[in-house]
């Protein structure tokens, strides 16, 4: 299922669930007030405060984690662009006759790296492109080692080029693992559970009113649903509304400059 649709459905489900539980909590509160007008509210403030404080802390924790991972993914794009650019420049250290083949492999490599993320959300197609990237890494490494040992290659060529290539390849693994790192589902389950529990308690607290306060009922549920949606969307920046695609422009510009 499309990530945008899935996140929207979860947020809508949470919104509806919170509305229902606020109404259930209100009815429970009305019944308790009718049975025990003086004791119905005894001690509830402490419990409500604890639950709402925990809910706020969990929202802050999950949002901060999602935002941090989003920033890491953006920074990794820049790091990969810099690593490829550095390795590209160090090809000048090789004998002139060995450079054309390596430069062509570099161009195909950058195009393959871009295609990995263009194929998303088709995970299988992205994995197929990633397999091409790995083959190109092996090809570039083999060509670079041979070129560094070719006649006329300065001793510094191997010492400077191969570490740059190693860094260029390592960032690929780092980006792949970063893309697979998300907030654990148990955290989201706890967040949903606390949101629903707080809705029940909020409804109970509103039992003293003669009529529904729709501004508070709808506002509370809507704010929580939007917050959860944003957290979910931040966790999948290649599939949702909040995206890192704009930073791919750096890699695209590098490919354009590889003449």
Protein backbone atom coordinates (compact mmCIF):
# COMPACT_ATOMS: atom_id res chain seq x y z
CA UNK A 1 0.00 0.00 0.00
CA UNK A 2 1.18 3.51 -0.79
CA UNK A 3 2.88 5.06 2.22
CA UNK A 4 0.81 8.26 2.03
CA UNK A 5 -2.44 6.27 2.02
CA UNK A 6 -1.30 3.97 4.83
CA UNK A 7 -0.23 6.86 7.08
CA UNK A 8 -3.45 8.75 6.32
CA UNK A 9 -5.58 5.71 7.14
CA UNK A 10 -3.79 5.22 10.46
CA UNK A 11 -4.24 8.90 11.33
CA UNK A 12 -7.94 8.80 10.39
CA UNK A 13 -8.38 5.61 12.40
CA UNK A 14 -6.78 7.26 15.42
CA UNK A 15 -9.00 10.34 14.98
CA UNK A 16 -12.19 8.25 14.87
CA UNK A 17 -11.03 6.05 17.75
CA UNK A 18 -10.31 9.07 19.94
CA UNK A 19 -13.74 10.56 19.18
CA UNK A 20 -15.43 7.31 20.16
CA UNK A 21 -13.41 6.93 23.35
CA UNK A 22 -14.05 10.52 24.38
CA UNK A 23 -17.76 9.84 24.09
CA UNK A 24 -17.43 6.55 25.97
CA UNK A 25 -15.42 8.27 28.68
CA UNK A 26 -18.01 11.05 28.93
CA UNK A 27 -20.83 8.55 29.39
CA UNK A 28 -18.88 6.65 32.02
CA UNK A 29 -18.23 9.93 33.80
CA UNK A 30 -21.91 10.91 33.71
CA UNK A 31 -22.87 7.55 35.17
CA UNK A 32 -20.28 7.85 37.93
CA UNK A 33 -21.41 11.38 38.78
CA UNK A 34 -24.98 10.17 39.08
CA UNK A 35 -23.91 7.38 41.46
CA UNK A 36 -21.35 9.33 43.49
CA UNK A 37 -21.40 13.10 42.84
CA UNK A 38 -18.71 13.88 45.41
CA UNK A 39 -16.30 10.98 44.88
CA UNK A 40 -16.48 10.61 41.09
CA UNK A 41 -13.59 13.03 40.54
CA UNK A 42 -11.50 12.10 43.58
CA UNK A 43 -7.89 11.39 42.59
CA UNK A 44 -8.57 11.53 38.84
CA UNK A 45 -6.45 14.65 38.33
CA UNK A 46 -3.24 12.88 39.35
CA UNK A 47 -3.89 9.95 37.00
CA UNK A 48 -4.87 12.17 34.11
CA UNK A 49 -1.81 14.35 34.61
CA UNK A 50 0.48 11.31 34.59
CA UNK A 51 -1.07 9.83 31.44
CA UNK A 52 -1.06 13.11 29.53
CA UNK A 53 2.53 13.83 30.61
CA UNK A 54 3.62 10.40 29.38
CA UNK A 55 1.75 10.95 26.10
CA UNK A 56 3.48 14.30 25.57
CA UNK A 57 6.87 12.78 26.36
CA UNK A 58 6.31 9.91 23.93
CA UNK A 59 5.22 12.26 21.13
CA UNK A 60 8.30 14.40 21.70
CA UNK A 61 10.53 11.30 21.72
CA UNK A 62 9.12 9.77 18.53
CA UNK A 63 9.04 13.10 16.67
CA UNK A 64 12.60 13.91 17.68
CA UNK A 65 13.79 10.47 16.58
CA UNK A 66 12.00 10.69 13.22
CA UNK A 67 13.31 14.22 12.60
CA UNK A 68 16.87 13.16 13.49
CA UNK A 69 16.75 10.23 11.08
CA UNK A 70 15.36 12.54 8.40
CA UNK A 71 18.33 14.90 8.86
CA UNK A 72 20.77 11.98 8.81
CA UNK A 73 19.37 10.79 5.49
CA UNK A 74 19.74 14.27 3.98
CA UNK A 75 23.30 14.57 5.25
CA UNK A 76 24.21 11.16 3.86
CA UNK A 77 23.20 12.30 0.36
CA UNK A 78 25.60 15.21 0.67
CA UNK A 79 28.34 12.93 2.04
CA UNK A 80 27.94 10.50 -0.83
CA UNK A 81 28.05 13.32 -3.36
CA UNK A 82 31.25 14.62 -1.80
CA UNK A 83 32.79 11.13 -1.66
CA UNK A 84 32.04 10.45 -5.33
CA UNK A 85 33.29 13.91 -6.30
CA UNK A 86 36.55 13.38 -4.44
CA UNK A 87 37.15 9.99 -6.06
CA UNK A 88 36.31 11.47 -9.48
CA UNK A 89 38.92 14.20 -9.08
CA UNK A 90 41.57 11.71 -7.97
CA UNK A 91 41.22 9.84 -11.22
CA UNK A 92 43.48 12.57 -12.61
CA UNK A 93 46.35 10.83 -10.79
CA UNK A 94 46.09 7.83 -13.11
CA UNK A 95 47.81 7.49 -16.48
CA UNK A 96 45.78 9.24 -19.19
CA UNK A 97 45.18 6.01 -21.10
CA UNK A 98 43.44 4.33 -18.17
CA UNK A 99 41.12 7.19 -17.28
CA UNK A 100 38.38 7.03 -19.97
CA UNK A 101 37.12 3.57 -19.01
CA UNK A 102 37.07 4.44 -15.30
CA UNK A 103 35.29 7.73 -15.91
CA UNK A 104 32.62 5.96 -17.94
CA UNK A 105 32.15 3.47 -15.11
CA UNK A 106 31.80 6.38 -12.69
CA UNK A 107 29.07 7.93 -14.86
CA UNK A 108 27.14 4.66 -14.95
CA UNK A 109 27.65 4.29 -11.20
CA UNK A 110 26.14 7.69 -10.39
CA UNK A 111 23.21 7.02 -12.71
CA UNK A 112 22.62 3.69 -11.00
CA UNK A 113 22.73 5.32 -7.56
CA UNK A 114 20.10 7.83 -8.64
CA UNK A 115 17.94 5.08 -10.11
CA UNK A 116 17.90 3.17 -6.81
CA UNK A 117 15.85 5.95 -5.22
CA UNK A 118 13.88 6.89 -8.32
CA UNK A 119 12.43 3.37 -8.40
CA UNK A 120 10.85 3.75 -4.96
CA UNK A 121 8.24 2.89 -3.76
CA UNK A 122 8.82 -0.19 -5.97
CA UNK A 123 11.14 -1.96 -3.53
CA UNK A 124 11.97 -4.86 -5.85
CA UNK A 125 12.98 -2.53 -8.67
CA UNK A 126 15.10 -0.50 -6.24
CA UNK A 127 16.82 -3.67 -5.03
CA UNK A 128 17.54 -4.66 -8.63
CA UNK A 129 19.21 -1.28 -9.19
CA UNK A 130 21.15 -1.73 -5.94
CA UNK A 131 22.47 -5.04 -7.27
CA UNK A 132 23.71 -3.17 -10.36
CA UNK A 133 25.43 -0.68 -8.07
CA UNK A 134 27.29 -3.48 -6.28
CA UNK A 135 28.47 -4.94 -9.60
CA UNK A 136 29.66 -1.50 -10.71
CA UNK A 137 31.56 -1.12 -7.44
CA UNK A 138 33.43 -4.34 -8.16
CA UNK A 139 34.10 -3.19 -11.72
CA UNK A 140 35.37 0.24 -10.63
CA UNK A 141 37.58 -1.28 -7.93
CA UNK A 142 39.14 -3.75 -10.35
CA UNK A 143 39.76 -1.04 -12.94
CA UNK A 144 41.20 1.33 -10.33
CA UNK A 145 43.62 -1.25 -8.93
CA UNK A 146 44.81 -2.16 -12.43
CA UNK A 147 45.18 1.50 -13.41
CA UNK A 148 47.12 2.29 -10.21
CA UNK A 149 49.60 -0.44 -11.08
CA UNK A 150 49.88 0.52 -14.75
CA UNK A 151 53.11 1.83 -16.17
CA UNK A 152 53.47 5.53 -15.55
CA UNK A 153 51.14 5.63 -12.54
CA UNK A 154 52.65 7.65 -9.66
CA UNK A 155 53.08 5.83 -6.32
CA UNK A 156 50.58 8.22 -4.71
CA UNK A 157 47.79 7.15 -7.09
CA UNK A 158 46.97 3.95 -5.25
CA UNK A 159 47.39 5.55 -1.81
CA UNK A 160 44.97 8.39 -2.62
CA UNK A 161 42.47 6.84 -5.03
CA UNK A 162 41.68 3.52 -3.36
CA UNK A 163 40.77 5.01 0.06
CA UNK A 164 38.51 7.49 -1.73
CA UNK A 165 36.81 4.64 -3.57
CA UNK A 166 36.44 2.72 -0.33
CA UNK A 167 34.70 5.69 1.27
CA UNK A 168 32.49 6.09 -1.80
CA UNK A 169 31.38 2.45 -1.53
CA UNK A 170 30.94 2.50 2.24
CA UNK A 171 28.50 5.40 2.11
CA UNK A 172 26.26 3.25 -0.10
CA UNK A 173 25.89 0.69 2.67
CA UNK A 174 25.37 3.44 5.23
CA UNK A 175 22.58 5.01 3.18
CA UNK A 176 20.90 1.66 2.58
CA UNK A 177 20.86 0.83 6.29
CA UNK A 178 19.71 4.35 7.17
CA UNK A 179 16.77 3.97 4.78
CA UNK A 180 15.76 0.77 6.57
CA UNK A 181 15.95 2.30 10.03
CA UNK A 182 12.58 3.34 11.42
CA UNK A 183 10.85 3.87 14.75
CA UNK A 184 10.11 0.43 16.29
CA UNK A 185 6.48 -0.60 15.88
CA UNK A 186 6.15 -1.17 19.63
CA UNK A 187 6.71 2.58 20.09
CA UNK A 188 3.88 3.40 17.69
CA UNK A 189 1.65 0.83 19.41
CA UNK A 190 2.36 2.49 22.74
CA UNK A 191 1.73 5.92 21.24
CA UNK A 192 -1.63 4.84 19.83
CA UNK A 193 -2.57 3.15 23.10
CA UNK A 194 -1.73 6.22 25.17
CA UNK A 195 -3.57 8.52 22.75
CA UNK A 196 -6.71 6.39 23.04
CA UNK A 197 -6.36 6.13 26.82
CA UNK A 198 -5.97 9.89 27.13
CA UNK A 199 -9.08 10.35 24.96
CA UNK A 200 -11.03 8.15 27.36
CA UNK A 201 -9.79 10.15 30.35
CA UNK A 202 -10.51 13.44 28.58
CA UNK A 203 -14.06 12.34 27.92
CA UNK A 204 -14.47 11.37 31.55
CA UNK A 205 -13.28 14.82 32.64
CA UNK A 206 -15.87 16.50 30.41
CA UNK A 207 -18.75 14.59 31.98
CA UNK A 208 -19.68 17.55 34.19
CA UNK A 209 -20.76 19.70 31.24
CA UNK A 210 -24.39 19.83 30.17
CA UNK A 211 -23.50 19.60 26.48
CA UNK A 212 -20.64 18.46 24.27
CA UNK A 213 -17.73 20.83 23.80
CA UNK A 214 -17.12 19.97 20.17
CA UNK A 215 -14.25 22.42 19.85
CA UNK A 216 -12.27 20.52 22.47
CA UNK A 217 -13.43 17.06 21.38
CA UNK A 218 -12.62 17.53 17.70
CA UNK A 219 -9.57 19.68 18.34
CA UNK A 220 -7.91 17.16 20.67
CA UNK A 221 -8.49 14.24 18.30
CA UNK A 222 -7.40 16.24 15.24
CA UNK A 223 -4.19 17.51 16.83
CA UNK A 224 -3.19 14.01 17.89
CA UNK A 225 -4.02 12.50 14.49
CA UNK A 226 -2.00 15.16 12.63
CA UNK A 227 0.97 14.75 14.99
CA UNK A 228 1.02 10.98 14.46
CA UNK A 229 0.69 11.41 10.70
CA UNK A 230 3.67 13.78 10.58
CA UNK A 231 5.78 11.36 12.65
CA UNK A 232 4.89 8.49 10.32
CA UNK A 233 5.58 10.59 7.23
CA UNK A 234 8.98 11.71 8.53
CA UNK A 235 9.98 8.10 8.96
CA UNK A 236 9.58 7.34 5.23
CA UNK A 237 11.00 10.40 3.42
CA UNK A 238 11.07 8.64 0.05
CA UNK A 239 7.42 7.61 0.08
CA UNK A 240 5.32 10.25 1.87
CA UNK A 241 4.69 13.97 1.61
CA UNK A 242 7.83 15.04 3.51
CA UNK A 243 10.66 14.00 1.19
CA UNK A 244 14.41 14.24 0.75
CA UNK A 245 14.21 14.04 -3.04
CA UNK A 246 15.29 17.67 -3.41
CA UNK A 247 18.72 16.77 -2.02
CA UNK A 248 19.20 14.27 -4.85
CA UNK A 249 19.79 17.35 -6.96
CA UNK A 250 23.34 17.47 -5.60
CA UNK A 251 24.05 14.01 -7.02
CA UNK A 252 22.33 14.91 -10.29
CA UNK A 253 24.46 18.03 -10.66
CA UNK A 254 27.58 15.96 -10.01
CA UNK A 255 26.56 13.59 -12.80
CA UNK A 256 25.99 16.54 -15.15
CA UNK A 257 29.50 17.80 -14.38
CA UNK A 258 31.09 14.43 -15.20
CA UNK A 259 32.04 15.34 -18.76
